[in-house]
């Protein structure tokens, strides 16, 4: 599994906090791949990177799905 680039990690730390950035911080900390997030939420990998870096926020239609994914990943953290 490929890790996250330093650029994505730094952007995530510097970004204004929102649910996409929160998901990014969690995924980075547990090494959960962007590809899996994209597949689970039926979005592009680029959208996931944009969320993680704070360049974009999840649409209201995805907000509940993102929250559920955060809860699931938090409960199953290694």
PDB file of N, CA and C in Angstrom:
ATOM      1  N   UNK A   1       0.844  -1.169   0.000  1.00  0.00           N
ATOM      2  CA  UNK A   1       0.000   0.000   0.000  1.00  0.00           C
ATOM      3  C   UNK A   1       0.895   1.239   0.000  1.00  0.00           C
ATOM      4  N   UNK A   2       0.563   2.168  -0.865  1.00  0.00           N
ATOM      5  CA  UNK A   2       1.320   3.408  -0.944  1.00  0.00           C
ATOM      6  C   UNK A   2       0.915   4.327   0.196  1.00  0.00           C
ATOM      7  N   UNK A   3       1.887   5.056   0.695  1.00  0.00           N
ATOM      8  CA  UNK A   3       1.608   6.012   1.757  1.00  0.00           C
ATOM      9  C   UNK A   3       1.168   7.352   1.197  1.00  0.00           C
ATOM     10  N   UNK A   4       0.892   8.267   2.075  1.00  0.00           N
ATOM     11  CA  UNK A   4       0.482   9.605   1.685  1.00  0.00           C
ATOM     12  C   UNK A   4       1.711  10.466   1.461  1.00  0.00           C
ATOM     13  N   UNK A   5       1.637  11.359   0.478  1.00  0.00           N
ATOM     14  CA  UNK A   5       2.756  12.251   0.213  1.00  0.00           C
ATOM     15  C   UNK A   5       2.869  13.283   1.331  1.00  0.00           C
ATOM     16  N   UNK A   6       4.051  13.800   1.484  1.00  0.00           N
ATOM     17  CA  UNK A   6       4.302  14.831   2.489  1.00  0.00           C
ATOM     18  C   UNK A   6       3.439  16.057   2.220  1.00  0.00           C
ATOM     19  N   UNK A   7       3.220  16.358   0.956  1.00  0.00           N
ATOM     20  CA  UNK A   7       2.407  17.514   0.572  1.00  0.00           C
ATOM     21  C   UNK A   7       0.981  17.367   1.090  1.00  0.00           C
ATOM     22  N   UNK A   8       0.388  16.171   0.908  1.00  0.00           N
ATOM     23  CA  UNK A   8      -0.985  15.934   1.370  1.00  0.00           C
ATOM     24  C   UNK A   8      -1.036  16.014   2.898  1.00  0.00           C
ATOM     25  N   UNK A   9      -0.064  15.422   3.559  1.00  0.00           N
ATOM     26  CA  UNK A   9      -0.066  15.442   5.022  1.00  0.00           C
ATOM     27  C   UNK A   9       0.070  16.863   5.561  1.00  0.00           C
ATOM     28  N   UNK A  10       0.954  17.664   4.965  1.00  0.00           N
ATOM     29  CA  UNK A  10       1.124  19.046   5.420  1.00  0.00           C
ATOM     30  C   UNK A  10      -0.116  19.883   5.129  1.00  0.00           C
ATOM     31  N   UNK A  11      -0.714  19.689   3.946  1.00  0.00           N
ATOM     32  CA  UNK A  11      -1.928  20.429   3.601  1.00  0.00           C
ATOM     33  C   UNK A  11      -3.055  20.070   4.551  1.00  0.00           C
ATOM     34  N   UNK A  12      -3.139  18.804   4.924  1.00  0.00           N
ATOM     35  CA  UNK A  12      -4.183  18.362   5.840  1.00  0.00           C
ATOM     36  C   UNK A  12      -4.024  19.043   7.194  1.00  0.00           C
ATOM     37  N   UNK A  13      -2.807  19.154   7.678  1.00  0.00           N
ATOM     38  CA  UNK A  13      -2.570  19.771   8.984  1.00  0.00           C
ATOM     39  C   UNK A  13      -2.849  21.264   8.964  1.00  0.00           C
ATOM     40  N   UNK A  14      -2.619  21.902   7.817  1.00  0.00           N
ATOM     41  CA  UNK A  14      -2.776  23.350   7.717  1.00  0.00           C
ATOM     42  C   UNK A  14      -4.194  23.772   7.339  1.00  0.00           C
ATOM     43  N   UNK A  15      -4.982  22.858   6.843  1.00  0.00           N
ATOM     44  CA  UNK A  15      -6.309  23.196   6.317  1.00  0.00           C
ATOM     45  C   UNK A  15      -7.286  23.574   7.420  1.00  0.00           C
ATOM     46  N   UNK A  16      -8.236  24.419   7.030  1.00  0.00           N
ATOM     47  CA  UNK A  16      -9.345  24.750   7.926  1.00  0.00           C
ATOM     48  C   UNK A  16     -10.110  23.456   8.195  1.00  0.00           C
ATOM     49  N   UNK A  17     -10.402  23.195   9.428  1.00  0.00           N
ATOM     50  CA  UNK A  17     -11.013  21.925   9.795  1.00  0.00           C
ATOM     51  C   UNK A  17     -12.459  21.825   9.321  1.00  0.00           C
ATOM     52  N   UNK A  18     -12.753  20.736   8.658  1.00  0.00           N
ATOM     53  CA  UNK A  18     -14.106  20.374   8.239  1.00  0.00           C
ATOM     54  C   UNK A  18     -14.137  18.853   8.170  1.00  0.00           C
ATOM     55  N   UNK A  19     -15.260  18.288   7.820  1.00  0.00           N
ATOM     56  CA  UNK A  19     -15.396  16.833   7.867  1.00  0.00           C
ATOM     57  C   UNK A  19     -14.454  16.122   6.882  1.00  0.00           C
ATOM     58  N   UNK A  20     -14.167  16.743   5.748  1.00  0.00           N
ATOM     59  CA  UNK A  20     -13.240  16.151   4.780  1.00  0.00           C
ATOM     60  C   UNK A  20     -11.820  16.123   5.310  1.00  0.00           C
ATOM     61  N   UNK A  21     -11.408  17.199   5.950  1.00  0.00           N
ATOM     62  CA  UNK A  21     -10.078  17.268   6.558  1.00  0.00           C
ATOM     63  C   UNK A  21      -9.998  16.295   7.733  1.00  0.00           C
ATOM     64  N   UNK A  22     -11.065  16.195   8.502  1.00  0.00           N
ATOM     65  CA  UNK A  22     -11.115  15.245   9.617  1.00  0.00           C
ATOM     66  C   UNK A  22     -10.947  13.811   9.111  1.00  0.00           C
ATOM     67  N   UNK A  23     -11.660  13.479   8.037  1.00  0.00           N
ATOM     68  CA  UNK A  23     -11.517  12.150   7.440  1.00  0.00           C
ATOM     69  C   UNK A  23     -10.084  11.942   6.975  1.00  0.00           C
ATOM     70  N   UNK A  24      -9.509  12.969   6.364  1.00  0.00           N
ATOM     71  CA  UNK A  24      -8.127  12.867   5.891  1.00  0.00           C
ATOM     72  C   UNK A  24      -7.148  12.596   7.011  1.00  0.00           C
ATOM     73  N   UNK A  25      -7.274  13.324   8.110  1.00  0.00           N
ATOM     74  CA  UNK A  25      -6.369  13.123   9.243  1.00  0.00           C
ATOM     75  C   UNK A  25      -6.480  11.696   9.777  1.00  0.00           C
ATOM     76  N   UNK A  26      -7.699  11.197   9.847  1.00  0.00           N
ATOM     77  CA  UNK A  26      -7.905   9.831  10.326  1.00  0.00           C
ATOM     78  C   UNK A  26      -7.281   8.820   9.369  1.00  0.00           C
ATOM     79  N   UNK A  27      -7.553   8.972   8.084  1.00  0.00           N
ATOM     80  CA  UNK A  27      -7.025   8.034   7.087  1.00  0.00           C
ATOM     81  C   UNK A  27      -5.498   8.056   7.060  1.00  0.00           C
ATOM     82  N   UNK A  28      -4.925   9.247   7.176  1.00  0.00           N
ATOM     83  CA  UNK A  28      -3.470   9.353   7.212  1.00  0.00           C
ATOM     84  C   UNK A  28      -2.929   8.634   8.443  1.00  0.00           C
ATOM     85  N   UNK A  29      -3.566   8.832   9.592  1.00  0.00           N
ATOM     86  CA  UNK A  29      -3.049   8.242  10.829  1.00  0.00           C
ATOM     87  C   UNK A  29      -3.144   6.720  10.848  1.00  0.00           C
ATOM     88  N   UNK A  30      -4.167   6.165  10.198  1.00  0.00           N
ATOM     89  CA  UNK A  30      -4.301   4.700  10.195  1.00  0.00           C
ATOM     90  C   UNK A  30      -3.872   4.085   8.863  1.00  0.00           C
ATOM     91  N   UNK A  31      -3.352   4.943   7.971  1.00  0.00           N
ATOM     92  CA  UNK A  31      -2.864   4.489   6.658  1.00  0.00           C
ATOM     93  C   UNK A  31      -3.966   3.822   5.829  1.00  0.00           C
ATOM     94  N   UNK A  32      -5.139   4.404   5.865  1.00  0.00           N
ATOM     95  CA  UNK A  32      -6.271   3.920   5.078  1.00  0.00           C
ATOM     96  C   UNK A  32      -6.178   4.559   3.699  1.00  0.00           C
ATOM     97  N   UNK A  33      -6.130   3.772   2.638  1.00  0.00           N
ATOM     98  CA  UNK A  33      -5.856   4.295   1.297  1.00  0.00           C
ATOM     99  C   UNK A  33      -6.962   5.173   0.701  1.00  0.00           C
ATOM    100  N   UNK A  34      -6.525   6.174  -0.038  1.00  0.00           N
ATOM    101  CA  UNK A  34      -7.438   7.065  -0.755  1.00  0.00           C
ATOM    102  C   UNK A  34      -8.337   6.261  -1.690  1.00  0.00           C
ATOM    103  N   UNK A  35      -7.774   5.269  -2.353  1.00  0.00           N
ATOM    104  CA  UNK A  35      -8.554   4.456  -3.292  1.00  0.00           C
ATOM    105  C   UNK A  35      -9.756   3.822  -2.597  1.00  0.00           C
ATOM    106  N   UNK A  36      -9.559   3.325  -1.388  1.00  0.00           N
ATOM    107  CA  UNK A  36     -10.670   2.716  -0.659  1.00  0.00           C
ATOM    108  C   UNK A  36     -11.722   3.744  -0.279  1.00  0.00           C
ATOM    109  N   UNK A  37     -11.287   4.943   0.123  1.00  0.00           N
ATOM    110  CA  UNK A  37     -12.242   6.013   0.444  1.00  0.00           C
ATOM    111  C   UNK A  37     -13.061   6.344  -0.800  1.00  0.00           C
ATOM    112  N   UNK A  38     -12.373   6.505  -1.929  1.00  0.00           N
ATOM    113  CA  UNK A  38     -13.052   6.841  -3.183  1.00  0.00           C
ATOM    114  C   UNK A  38     -14.073   5.773  -3.560  1.00  0.00           C
ATOM    115  N   UNK A  39     -13.692   4.519  -3.428  1.00  0.00           N
ATOM    116  CA  UNK A  39     -14.611   3.426  -3.763  1.00  0.00           C
ATOM    117  C   UNK A  39     -15.801   3.395  -2.811  1.00  0.00           C
ATOM    118  N   UNK A  40     -15.547   3.555  -1.524  1.00  0.00           N
ATOM    119  CA  UNK A  40     -16.628   3.499  -0.527  1.00  0.00           C
ATOM    120  C   UNK A  40     -17.641   4.615  -0.718  1.00  0.00           C
ATOM    121  N   UNK A  41     -17.157   5.803  -1.130  1.00  0.00           N
ATOM    122  CA  UNK A  41     -18.031   6.968  -1.244  1.00  0.00           C
ATOM    123  C   UNK A  41     -18.456   7.248  -2.683  1.00  0.00           C
ATOM    124  N   UNK A  42     -17.978   6.407  -3.604  1.00  0.00           N
ATOM    125  CA  UNK A  42     -18.326   6.537  -5.023  1.00  0.00           C
ATOM    126  C   UNK A  42     -17.969   7.924  -5.569  1.00  0.00           C
ATOM    127  N   UNK A  43     -16.719   8.311  -5.315  1.00  0.00           N
ATOM    128  CA  UNK A  43     -16.192   9.575  -5.814  1.00  0.00           C
ATOM    129  C   UNK A  43     -14.802   9.326  -6.388  1.00  0.00           C
ATOM    130  N   UNK A  44     -14.231  10.338  -7.021  1.00  0.00           N
ATOM    131  CA  UNK A  44     -12.895  10.195  -7.594  1.00  0.00           C
ATOM    132  C   UNK A  44     -11.821  10.327  -6.516  1.00  0.00           C
ATOM    133  N   UNK A  45     -10.653   9.763  -6.801  1.00  0.00           N
ATOM    134  CA  UNK A  45      -9.529   9.907  -5.879  1.00  0.00           C
ATOM    135  C   UNK A  45      -9.133  11.376  -5.752  1.00  0.00           C
ATOM    136  N   UNK A  46      -9.247  12.136  -6.863  1.00  0.00           N
ATOM    137  CA  UNK A  46      -8.899  13.551  -6.810  1.00  0.00           C
ATOM    138  C   UNK A  46      -9.804  14.302  -5.841  1.00  0.00           C
ATOM    139  N   UNK A  47     -11.080  13.951  -5.818  1.00  0.00           N
ATOM    140  CA  UNK A  47     -11.996  14.582  -4.856  1.00  0.00           C
ATOM    141  C   UNK A  47     -11.571  14.272  -3.426  1.00  0.00           C
ATOM    142  N   UNK A  48     -11.162  13.048  -3.182  1.00  0.00           N
ATOM    143  CA  UNK A  48     -10.704  12.668  -1.840  1.00  0.00           C
ATOM    144  C   UNK A  48      -9.473  13.494  -1.456  1.00  0.00           C
ATOM    145  N   UNK A  49      -8.504  13.602  -2.359  1.00  0.00           N
ATOM    146  CA  UNK A  49      -7.313  14.409  -2.073  1.00  0.00           C
ATOM    147  C   UNK A  49      -7.692  15.868  -1.803  1.00  0.00           C
ATOM    148  N   UNK A  50      -8.648  16.388  -2.572  1.00  0.00           N
ATOM    149  CA  UNK A  50      -9.089  17.772  -2.361  1.00  0.00           C
ATOM    150  C   UNK A  50      -9.735  17.943  -0.995  1.00  0.00           C
ATOM    151  N   UNK A  51     -10.509  16.969  -0.562  1.00  0.00           N
ATOM    152  CA  UNK A  51     -11.120  17.017   0.777  1.00  0.00           C
ATOM    153  C   UNK A  51     -10.036  16.988   1.844  1.00  0.00           C
ATOM    154  N   UNK A  52      -9.117  16.026   1.705  1.00  0.00           N
ATOM    155  CA  UNK A  52      -8.076  15.839   2.711  1.00  0.00           C
ATOM    156  C   UNK A  52      -7.225  17.092   2.876  1.00  0.00           C
ATOM    157  N   UNK A  53      -6.983  17.810   1.774  1.00  0.00           N
ATOM    158  CA  UNK A  53      -6.116  18.988   1.819  1.00  0.00           C
ATOM    159  C   UNK A  53      -6.882  20.272   2.127  1.00  0.00           C
ATOM    160  N   UNK A  54      -8.211  20.183   2.200  1.00  0.00           N
ATOM    161  CA  UNK A  54      -9.029  21.350   2.486  1.00  0.00           C
ATOM    162  C   UNK A  54      -9.337  22.197   1.266  1.00  0.00           C
ATOM    163  N   UNK A  55      -8.948  21.744   0.069  1.00  0.00           N
ATOM    164  CA  UNK A  55      -9.246  22.492  -1.164  1.00  0.00           C
ATOM    165  C   UNK A  55     -10.733  22.460  -1.484  1.00  0.00           C
ATOM    166  N   UNK A  56     -11.407  21.418  -1.025  1.00  0.00           N
ATOM    167  CA  UNK A  56     -12.847  21.268  -1.272  1.00  0.00           C
ATOM    168  C   UNK A  56     -13.475  20.628  -0.044  1.00  0.00           C
ATOM    169  N   UNK A  57     -14.784  20.782   0.048  1.00  0.00           N
ATOM    170  CA  UNK A  57     -15.533  20.154   1.138  1.00  0.00           C
ATOM    171  C   UNK A  57     -16.505  19.148   0.536  1.00  0.00           C
ATOM    172  N   UNK A  58     -16.808  18.082   1.262  1.00  0.00           N
ATOM    173  CA  UNK A  58     -17.797  17.130   0.775  1.00  0.00           C
ATOM    174  C   UNK A  58     -19.149  17.807   0.545  1.00  0.00           C
ATOM    175  N   UNK A  59     -19.803  17.411  -0.521  1.00  0.00           N
ATOM    176  CA  UNK A  59     -21.150  17.917  -0.797  1.00  0.00           C
ATOM    177  C   UNK A  59     -22.086  17.459   0.317  1.00  0.00           C
ATOM    178  N   UNK A  60     -23.132  18.212   0.519  1.00  0.00           N
ATOM    179  CA  UNK A  60     -24.097  17.854   1.559  1.00  0.00           C
ATOM    180  C   UNK A  60     -24.639  16.444   1.362  1.00  0.00           C
ATOM    181  N   UNK A  61     -24.734  16.005   0.111  1.00  0.00           N
ATOM    182  CA  UNK A  61     -25.253  14.663  -0.171  1.00  0.00           C
ATOM    183  C   UNK A  61     -24.294  13.567   0.300  1.00  0.00           C
ATOM    184  N   UNK A  62     -23.008  13.906   0.479  1.00  0.00           N
ATOM    185  CA  UNK A  62     -22.006  12.924   0.924  1.00  0.00           C
ATOM    186  C   UNK A  62     -21.695  13.040   2.415  1.00  0.00           C
ATOM    187  N   UNK A  63     -22.174  14.096   3.039  1.00  0.00           N
ATOM    188  CA  UNK A  63     -21.808  14.377   4.428  1.00  0.00           C
ATOM    189  C   UNK A  63     -22.121  13.212   5.358  1.00  0.00           C
ATOM    190  N   UNK A  64     -23.309  12.662   5.258  1.00  0.00           N
ATOM    191  CA  UNK A  64     -23.700  11.553   6.138  1.00  0.00           C
ATOM    192  C   UNK A  64     -22.836  10.309   5.878  1.00  0.00           C
ATOM    193  N   UNK A  65     -22.529  10.033   4.612  1.00  0.00           N
ATOM    194  CA  UNK A  65     -21.679   8.885   4.281  1.00  0.00           C
ATOM    195  C   UNK A  65     -20.267   9.065   4.842  1.00  0.00           C
ATOM    196  N   UNK A  66     -19.759  10.290   4.766  1.00  0.00           N
ATOM    197  CA  UNK A  66     -18.431  10.576   5.316  1.00  0.00           C
ATOM    198  C   UNK A  66     -18.441  10.378   6.823  1.00  0.00           C
ATOM    199  N   UNK A  67     -19.462  10.870   7.487  1.00  0.00           N
ATOM    200  CA  UNK A  67     -19.557  10.713   8.932  1.00  0.00           C
ATOM    201  C   UNK A  67     -19.602   9.236   9.328  1.00  0.00           C
ATOM    202  N   UNK A  68     -20.369   8.443   8.592  1.00  0.00           N
ATOM    203  CA  UNK A  68     -20.438   7.003   8.881  1.00  0.00           C
ATOM    204  C   UNK A  68     -19.090   6.332   8.676  1.00  0.00           C
ATOM    205  N   UNK A  69     -18.363   6.733   7.629  1.00  0.00           N
ATOM    206  CA  UNK A  69     -17.043   6.157   7.381  1.00  0.00           C
ATOM    207  C   UNK A  69     -16.082   6.536   8.507  1.00  0.00           C
ATOM    208  N   UNK A  70     -16.138   7.778   8.955  1.00  0.00           N
ATOM    209  CA  UNK A  70     -15.291   8.199  10.069  1.00  0.00           C
ATOM    210  C   UNK A  70     -15.583   7.363  11.309  1.00  0.00           C
ATOM    211  N   UNK A  71     -16.841   7.187  11.607  1.00  0.00           N
ATOM    212  CA  UNK A  71     -17.233   6.386  12.782  1.00  0.00           C
ATOM    213  C   UNK A  71     -16.728   4.950  12.645  1.00  0.00           C
ATOM    214  N   UNK A  72     -16.897   4.368  11.482  1.00  0.00           N
ATOM    215  CA  UNK A  72     -16.461   2.990  11.257  1.00  0.00           C
ATOM    216  C   UNK A  72     -14.947   2.865  11.391  1.00  0.00           C
ATOM    217  N   UNK A  73     -14.210   3.779  10.776  1.00  0.00           N
ATOM    218  CA  UNK A  73     -12.748   3.717  10.849  1.00  0.00           C
ATOM    219  C   UNK A  73     -12.254   3.975  12.263  1.00  0.00           C
ATOM    220  N   UNK A  74     -12.914   4.847  13.000  1.00  0.00           N
ATOM    221  CA  UNK A  74     -12.527   5.141  14.376  1.00  0.00           C
ATOM    222  C   UNK A  74     -12.733   3.911  15.269  1.00  0.00           C
ATOM    223  N   UNK A  75     -13.818   3.197  15.060  1.00  0.00           N
ATOM    224  CA  UNK A  75     -14.110   2.018  15.867  1.00  0.00           C
ATOM    225  C   UNK A  75     -13.146   0.875  15.560  1.00  0.00           C
ATOM    226  N   UNK A  76     -12.663   0.831  14.329  1.00  0.00           N
ATOM    227  CA  UNK A  76     -11.799  -0.282  13.904  1.00  0.00           C
ATOM    228  C   UNK A  76     -10.347   0.109  13.818  1.00  0.00           C
ATOM    229  N   UNK A  77      -9.953   1.219  14.472  1.00  0.00           N
ATOM    230  CA  UNK A  77      -8.564   1.672  14.410  1.00  0.00           C
ATOM    231  C   UNK A  77      -7.658   0.612  14.991  1.00  0.00           C
ATOM    232  N   UNK A  78      -6.521   0.384  14.307  1.00  0.00           N
ATOM    233  CA  UNK A  78      -5.554  -0.583  14.847  1.00  0.00           C
ATOM    234  C   UNK A  78      -4.901  -0.106  16.118  1.00  0.00           C
TER     235      UNK A  78
END
